[in-house]
Amino acid sequence: DAVKARQGLVLAAMAKEGYITPAE
């Protein structure tokens, strides 16, 4: 659960910074 939550934060940060799209 902790790993999953942290992974979600990283993906959201990547989308916010423009490295990936929200869909990705």
PDB file of all heavy atoms in Angstrom:
ATOM      1  N   ASP A   1       0.828  -1.205   0.000  1.00  0.00           N
ATOM      2  CA  ASP A   1       0.000   0.000   0.000  1.00  0.00           C
ATOM      3  C   ASP A   1       0.862   1.254   0.000  1.00  0.00           C
ATOM      4  O   ASP A   1       0.587   2.217  -0.729  1.00  0.00           O
ATOM      5  CB  ASP A   1      -0.924  -0.001   1.219  1.00  0.00           C
ATOM      6  CG  ASP A   1      -1.975  -1.102   1.136  1.00  0.00           C
ATOM      7  OD1 ASP A   1      -2.295  -1.525   0.010  1.00  0.00           O
ATOM      8  OD2 ASP A   1      -2.461  -1.539   2.198  1.00  0.00           O
ATOM      9  N   ALA A   2       1.908   1.260   0.833  1.00  0.00           N
ATOM     10  CA  ALA A   2       2.793   2.423   0.893  1.00  0.00           C
ATOM     11  C   ALA A   2       3.549   2.605  -0.416  1.00  0.00           C
ATOM     12  O   ALA A   2       3.723   3.730  -0.909  1.00  0.00           O
ATOM     13  CB  ALA A   2       3.774   2.274   2.055  1.00  0.00           C
ATOM     14  N   VAL A   3       3.995   1.500  -0.998  1.00  0.00           N
ATOM     15  CA  VAL A   3       4.705   1.568  -2.275  1.00  0.00           C
ATOM     16  C   VAL A   3       3.791   2.104  -3.364  1.00  0.00           C
ATOM     17  O   VAL A   3       4.187   2.948  -4.176  1.00  0.00           O
ATOM     18  CB  VAL A   3       5.248   0.174  -2.658  1.00  0.00           C
ATOM     19  CG1 VAL A   3       5.824   0.182  -4.069  1.00  0.00           C
ATOM     20  CG2 VAL A   3       6.311  -0.274  -1.666  1.00  0.00           C
ATOM     21  N   LYS A   4       2.550   1.625  -3.372  1.00  0.00           N
ATOM     22  CA  LYS A   4       1.585   2.077  -4.372  1.00  0.00           C
ATOM     23  C   LYS A   4       1.300   3.572  -4.233  1.00  0.00           C
ATOM     24  O   LYS A   4       1.271   4.313  -5.228  1.00  0.00           O
ATOM     25  CB  LYS A   4       0.294   1.270  -4.212  1.00  0.00           C
ATOM     26  CG  LYS A   4      -0.903   1.822  -4.960  1.00  0.00           C
ATOM     27  CD  LYS A   4      -0.666   1.772  -6.450  1.00  0.00           C
ATOM     28  CE  LYS A   4      -1.854   2.388  -7.188  1.00  0.00           C
ATOM     29  NZ  LYS A   4      -1.598   2.476  -8.638  1.00  0.00           N
ATOM     30  N   ALA A   5       1.094   4.033  -3.005  1.00  0.00           N
ATOM     31  CA  ALA A   5       0.803   5.447  -2.777  1.00  0.00           C
ATOM     32  C   ALA A   5       1.968   6.329  -3.206  1.00  0.00           C
ATOM     33  O   ALA A   5       1.776   7.376  -3.840  1.00  0.00           O
ATOM     34  CB  ALA A   5       0.472   5.675  -1.303  1.00  0.00           C
ATOM     35  N   ARG A   6       3.165   5.914  -2.878  1.00  0.00           N
ATOM     36  CA  ARG A   6       4.340   6.702  -3.241  1.00  0.00           C
ATOM     37  C   ARG A   6       4.536   6.725  -4.750  1.00  0.00           C
ATOM     38  O   ARG A   6       4.899   7.748  -5.337  1.00  0.00           O
ATOM     39  CB  ARG A   6       5.565   6.112  -2.553  1.00  0.00           C
ATOM     40  CG  ARG A   6       6.859   6.894  -2.771  1.00  0.00           C
ATOM     41  CD  ARG A   6       6.810   8.263  -2.155  1.00  0.00           C
ATOM     42  NE  ARG A   6       8.072   8.963  -2.331  1.00  0.00           N
ATOM     43  CZ  ARG A   6       8.254  10.255  -2.108  1.00  0.00           C
ATOM     44  NH1 ARG A   6       7.237  11.004  -1.692  1.00  0.00           N
ATOM     45  NH2 ARG A   6       9.434  10.807  -2.282  1.00  0.00           N
ATOM     46  N   GLN A   7       4.300   5.613  -5.386  1.00  0.00           N
ATOM     47  CA  GLN A   7       4.406   5.556  -6.843  1.00  0.00           C
ATOM     48  C   GLN A   7       3.423   6.525  -7.490  1.00  0.00           C
ATOM     49  O   GLN A   7       3.752   7.214  -8.461  1.00  0.00           O
ATOM     50  CB  GLN A   7       4.134   4.139  -7.335  1.00  0.00           C
ATOM     51  CG  GLN A   7       4.247   3.987  -8.855  1.00  0.00           C
ATOM     52  CD  GLN A   7       3.520   2.762  -9.366  1.00  0.00           C
ATOM     53  OE1 GLN A   7       2.412   2.470  -8.915  1.00  0.00           O
ATOM     54  NE2 GLN A   7       4.127   2.057 -10.293  1.00  0.00           N
ATOM     55  N   GLY A   8       2.205   6.609  -6.936  1.00  0.00           N
ATOM     56  CA  GLY A   8       1.217   7.545  -7.464  1.00  0.00           C
ATOM     57  C   GLY A   8       1.669   8.987  -7.356  1.00  0.00           C
ATOM     58  O   GLY A   8       1.441   9.793  -8.266  1.00  0.00           O
ATOM     59  N   LEU A   9       2.328   9.332  -6.251  1.00  0.00           N
ATOM     60  CA  LEU A   9       2.845  10.691  -6.087  1.00  0.00           C
ATOM     61  C   LEU A   9       3.900  11.010  -7.142  1.00  0.00           C
ATOM     62  O   LEU A   9       3.948  12.118  -7.687  1.00  0.00           O
ATOM     63  CB  LEU A   9       3.441  10.857  -4.690  1.00  0.00           C
ATOM     64  CG  LEU A   9       2.458  10.888  -3.510  1.00  0.00           C
ATOM     65  CD1 LEU A   9       3.226  10.965  -2.198  1.00  0.00           C
ATOM     66  CD2 LEU A   9       1.510  12.070  -3.637  1.00  0.00           C
ATOM     67  N   VAL A  10       4.750  10.040  -7.429  1.00  0.00           N
ATOM     68  CA  VAL A  10       5.800  10.264  -8.427  1.00  0.00           C
ATOM     69  C   VAL A  10       5.180  10.473  -9.803  1.00  0.00           C
ATOM     70  O   VAL A  10       5.555  11.399 -10.536  1.00  0.00           O
ATOM     71  CB  VAL A  10       6.787   9.078  -8.453  1.00  0.00           C
ATOM     72  CG1 VAL A  10       7.814   9.269  -9.571  1.00  0.00           C
ATOM     73  CG2 VAL A  10       7.490   8.936  -7.119  1.00  0.00           C
ATOM     74  N   LEU A  11       4.242   9.630 -10.167  1.00  0.00           N
ATOM     75  CA  LEU A  11       3.610   9.763 -11.480  1.00  0.00           C
ATOM     76  C   LEU A  11       2.870  11.093 -11.598  1.00  0.00           C
ATOM     77  O   LEU A  11       2.912  11.751 -12.653  1.00  0.00           O
ATOM     78  CB  LEU A  11       2.647   8.600 -11.712  1.00  0.00           C
ATOM     79  CG  LEU A  11       3.313   7.221 -11.885  1.00  0.00           C
ATOM     80  CD1 LEU A  11       2.273   6.116 -11.869  1.00  0.00           C
ATOM     81  CD2 LEU A  11       4.122   7.166 -13.176  1.00  0.00           C
ATOM     82  N   ALA A  12       2.200  11.519 -10.523  1.00  0.00           N
ATOM     83  CA  ALA A  12       1.503  12.808 -10.540  1.00  0.00           C
ATOM     84  C   ALA A  12       2.491  13.959 -10.694  1.00  0.00           C
ATOM     85  O   ALA A  12       2.237  14.925 -11.428  1.00  0.00           O
ATOM     86  CB  ALA A  12       0.685  12.963  -9.266  1.00  0.00           C
ATOM     87  N   ALA A  13       3.632  13.869 -10.013  1.00  0.00           N
ATOM     88  CA  ALA A  13       4.650  14.915 -10.124  1.00  0.00           C
ATOM     89  C   ALA A  13       5.219  14.966 -11.532  1.00  0.00           C
ATOM     90  O   ALA A  13       5.488  16.045 -12.075  1.00  0.00           O
ATOM     91  CB  ALA A  13       5.760  14.662  -9.105  1.00  0.00           C
ATOM     92  N   MET A  14       5.402  13.815 -12.142  1.00  0.00           N
ATOM     93  CA  MET A  14       5.919  13.785 -13.510  1.00  0.00           C
ATOM     94  C   MET A  14       4.941  14.436 -14.480  1.00  0.00           C
ATOM     95  O   MET A  14       5.342  15.167 -15.397  1.00  0.00           O
ATOM     96  CB  MET A  14       6.197  12.336 -13.934  1.00  0.00           C
ATOM     97  CG  MET A  14       7.318  11.656 -13.171  1.00  0.00           C
ATOM     98  SD  MET A  14       7.609   9.947 -13.716  1.00  0.00           S
ATOM     99  CE  MET A  14       8.330  10.239 -15.336  1.00  0.00           C
ATOM    100  N   ALA A  15       3.647  14.171 -14.273  1.00  0.00           N
ATOM    101  CA  ALA A  15       2.634  14.786 -15.132  1.00  0.00           C
ATOM    102  C   ALA A  15       2.576  16.293 -14.909  1.00  0.00           C
ATOM    103  O   ALA A  15       2.454  17.076 -15.859  1.00  0.00           O
ATOM    104  CB  ALA A  15       1.274  14.147 -14.863  1.00  0.00           C
ATOM    105  N   LYS A  16       2.676  16.716 -13.657  1.00  0.00           N
ATOM    106  CA  LYS A  16       2.634  18.147 -13.341  1.00  0.00           C
ATOM    107  C   LYS A  16       3.799  18.891 -13.971  1.00  0.00           C
ATOM    108  O   LYS A  16       3.650  20.034 -14.439  1.00  0.00           O
ATOM    109  CB  LYS A  16       2.657  18.326 -11.822  1.00  0.00           C
ATOM    110  CG  LYS A  16       2.585  19.776 -11.376  1.00  0.00           C
ATOM    111  CD  LYS A  16       2.593  19.877  -9.855  1.00  0.00           C
ATOM    112  CE  LYS A  16       2.551  21.344  -9.413  1.00  0.00           C
ATOM    113  NZ  LYS A  16       2.581  21.458  -7.930  1.00  0.00           N
ATOM    114  N   GLU A  17       4.972  18.267 -13.998  1.00  0.00           N
ATOM    115  CA  GLU A  17       6.152  18.911 -14.562  1.00  0.00           C
ATOM    116  C   GLU A  17       6.233  18.768 -16.076  1.00  0.00           C
ATOM    117  O   GLU A  17       7.151  19.300 -16.701  1.00  0.00           O
ATOM    118  CB  GLU A  17       7.420  18.328 -13.928  1.00  0.00           C
ATOM    119  CG  GLU A  17       7.552  18.586 -12.441  1.00  0.00           C
ATOM    120  CD  GLU A  17       7.590  20.065 -12.108  1.00  0.00           C
ATOM    121  OE1 GLU A  17       8.264  20.818 -12.843  1.00  0.00           O
ATOM    122  OE2 GLU A  17       6.938  20.469 -11.127  1.00  0.00           O
ATOM    123  N   GLY A  18       5.303  18.005 -16.658  1.00  0.00           N
ATOM    124  CA  GLY A  18       5.256  17.895 -18.107  1.00  0.00           C
ATOM    125  C   GLY A  18       6.096  16.797 -18.710  1.00  0.00           C
ATOM    126  O   GLY A  18       6.238  16.722 -19.933  1.00  0.00           O
ATOM    127  N   TYR A  19       6.636  15.915 -17.881  1.00  0.00           N
ATOM    128  CA  TYR A  19       7.442  14.824 -18.423  1.00  0.00           C
ATOM    129  C   TYR A  19       6.567  13.762 -19.094  1.00  0.00           C
ATOM    130  O   TYR A  19       6.995  13.102 -20.038  1.00  0.00           O
ATOM    131  CB  TYR A  19       8.268  14.174 -17.320  1.00  0.00           C
ATOM    132  CG  TYR A  19       9.351  15.066 -16.754  1.00  0.00           C
ATOM    133  CD1 TYR A  19       9.316  15.497 -15.433  1.00  0.00           C
ATOM    134  CD2 TYR A  19      10.416  15.486 -17.543  1.00  0.00           C
ATOM    135  CE1 TYR A  19      10.301  16.321 -14.907  1.00  0.00           C
ATOM    136  CE2 TYR A  19      11.412  16.314 -17.032  1.00  0.00           C
ATOM    137  CZ  TYR A  19      11.345  16.727 -15.715  1.00  0.00           C
ATOM    138  OH  TYR A  19      12.327  17.540 -15.208  1.00  0.00           O
ATOM    139  N   ILE A  20       5.375  13.556 -18.572  1.00  0.00           N
ATOM    140  CA  ILE A  20       4.415  12.618 -19.145  1.00  0.00           C
ATOM    141  C   ILE A  20       3.042  13.271 -19.130  1.00  0.00           C
ATOM    142  O   ILE A  20       2.839  14.306 -18.474  1.00  0.00           O
ATOM    143  CB  ILE A  20       4.363  11.287 -18.351  1.00  0.00           C
ATOM    144  CG1 ILE A  20       3.983  11.547 -16.883  1.00  0.00           C
ATOM    145  CG2 ILE A  20       5.694  10.546 -18.443  1.00  0.00           C
ATOM    146  CD1 ILE A  20       3.799  10.274 -16.063  1.00  0.00           C
ATOM    147  N   THR A  21       2.109  12.682 -19.825  1.00  0.00           N
ATOM    148  CA  THR A  21       0.745  13.202 -19.830  1.00  0.00           C
ATOM    149  C   THR A  21      -0.045  12.589 -18.681  1.00  0.00           C
ATOM    150  O   THR A  21       0.322  11.529 -18.165  1.00  0.00           O
ATOM    151  CB  THR A  21       0.053  12.867 -21.151  1.00  0.00           C
ATOM    152  OG1 THR A  21      -0.094  11.432 -21.245  1.00  0.00           O
ATOM    153  CG2 THR A  21       0.863  13.377 -22.341  1.00  0.00           C
ATOM    154  N   PRO A  22      -1.144  13.220 -18.274  1.00  0.00           N
ATOM    155  CA  PRO A  22      -1.986  12.619 -17.234  1.00  0.00           C
ATOM    156  C   PRO A  22      -2.467  11.228 -17.620  1.00  0.00           C
ATOM    157  O   PRO A  22      -2.588  10.345 -16.760  1.00  0.00           O
ATOM    158  CB  PRO A  22      -3.146  13.611 -17.120  1.00  0.00           C
ATOM    159  CG  PRO A  22      -2.560  14.923 -17.525  1.00  0.00           C
ATOM    160  CD  PRO A  22      -1.583  14.587 -18.619  1.00  0.00           C
ATOM    161  N   ALA A  23      -2.726  11.019 -18.907  1.00  0.00           N
ATOM    162  CA  ALA A  23      -3.169   9.701 -19.352  1.00  0.00           C
ATOM    163  C   ALA A  23      -2.067   8.661 -19.161  1.00  0.00           C
ATOM    164  O   ALA A  23      -2.321   7.527 -18.734  1.00  0.00           O
ATOM    165  CB  ALA A  23      -3.583   9.760 -20.818  1.00  0.00           C
ATOM    166  N   GLU A  24      -0.835   9.035 -19.468  1.00  0.00           N
ATOM    167  CA  GLU A  24       0.293   8.125 -19.262  1.00  0.00           C
ATOM    168  C   GLU A  24       0.507   7.845 -17.782  1.00  0.00           C
ATOM    169  O   GLU A  24       0.837   6.720 -17.389  1.00  0.00           O
ATOM    170  CB  GLU A  24       1.561   8.730 -19.871  1.00  0.00           C
ATOM    171  CG  GLU A  24       1.569   8.747 -21.381  1.00  0.00           C
ATOM    172  CD  GLU A  24       2.750   9.497 -21.958  1.00  0.00           C
ATOM    173  OE1 GLU A  24       3.171  10.500 -21.336  1.00  0.00           O
ATOM    174  OE2 GLU A  24       3.250   9.093 -23.015  1.00  0.00           O
TER     175      GLU A  24
END
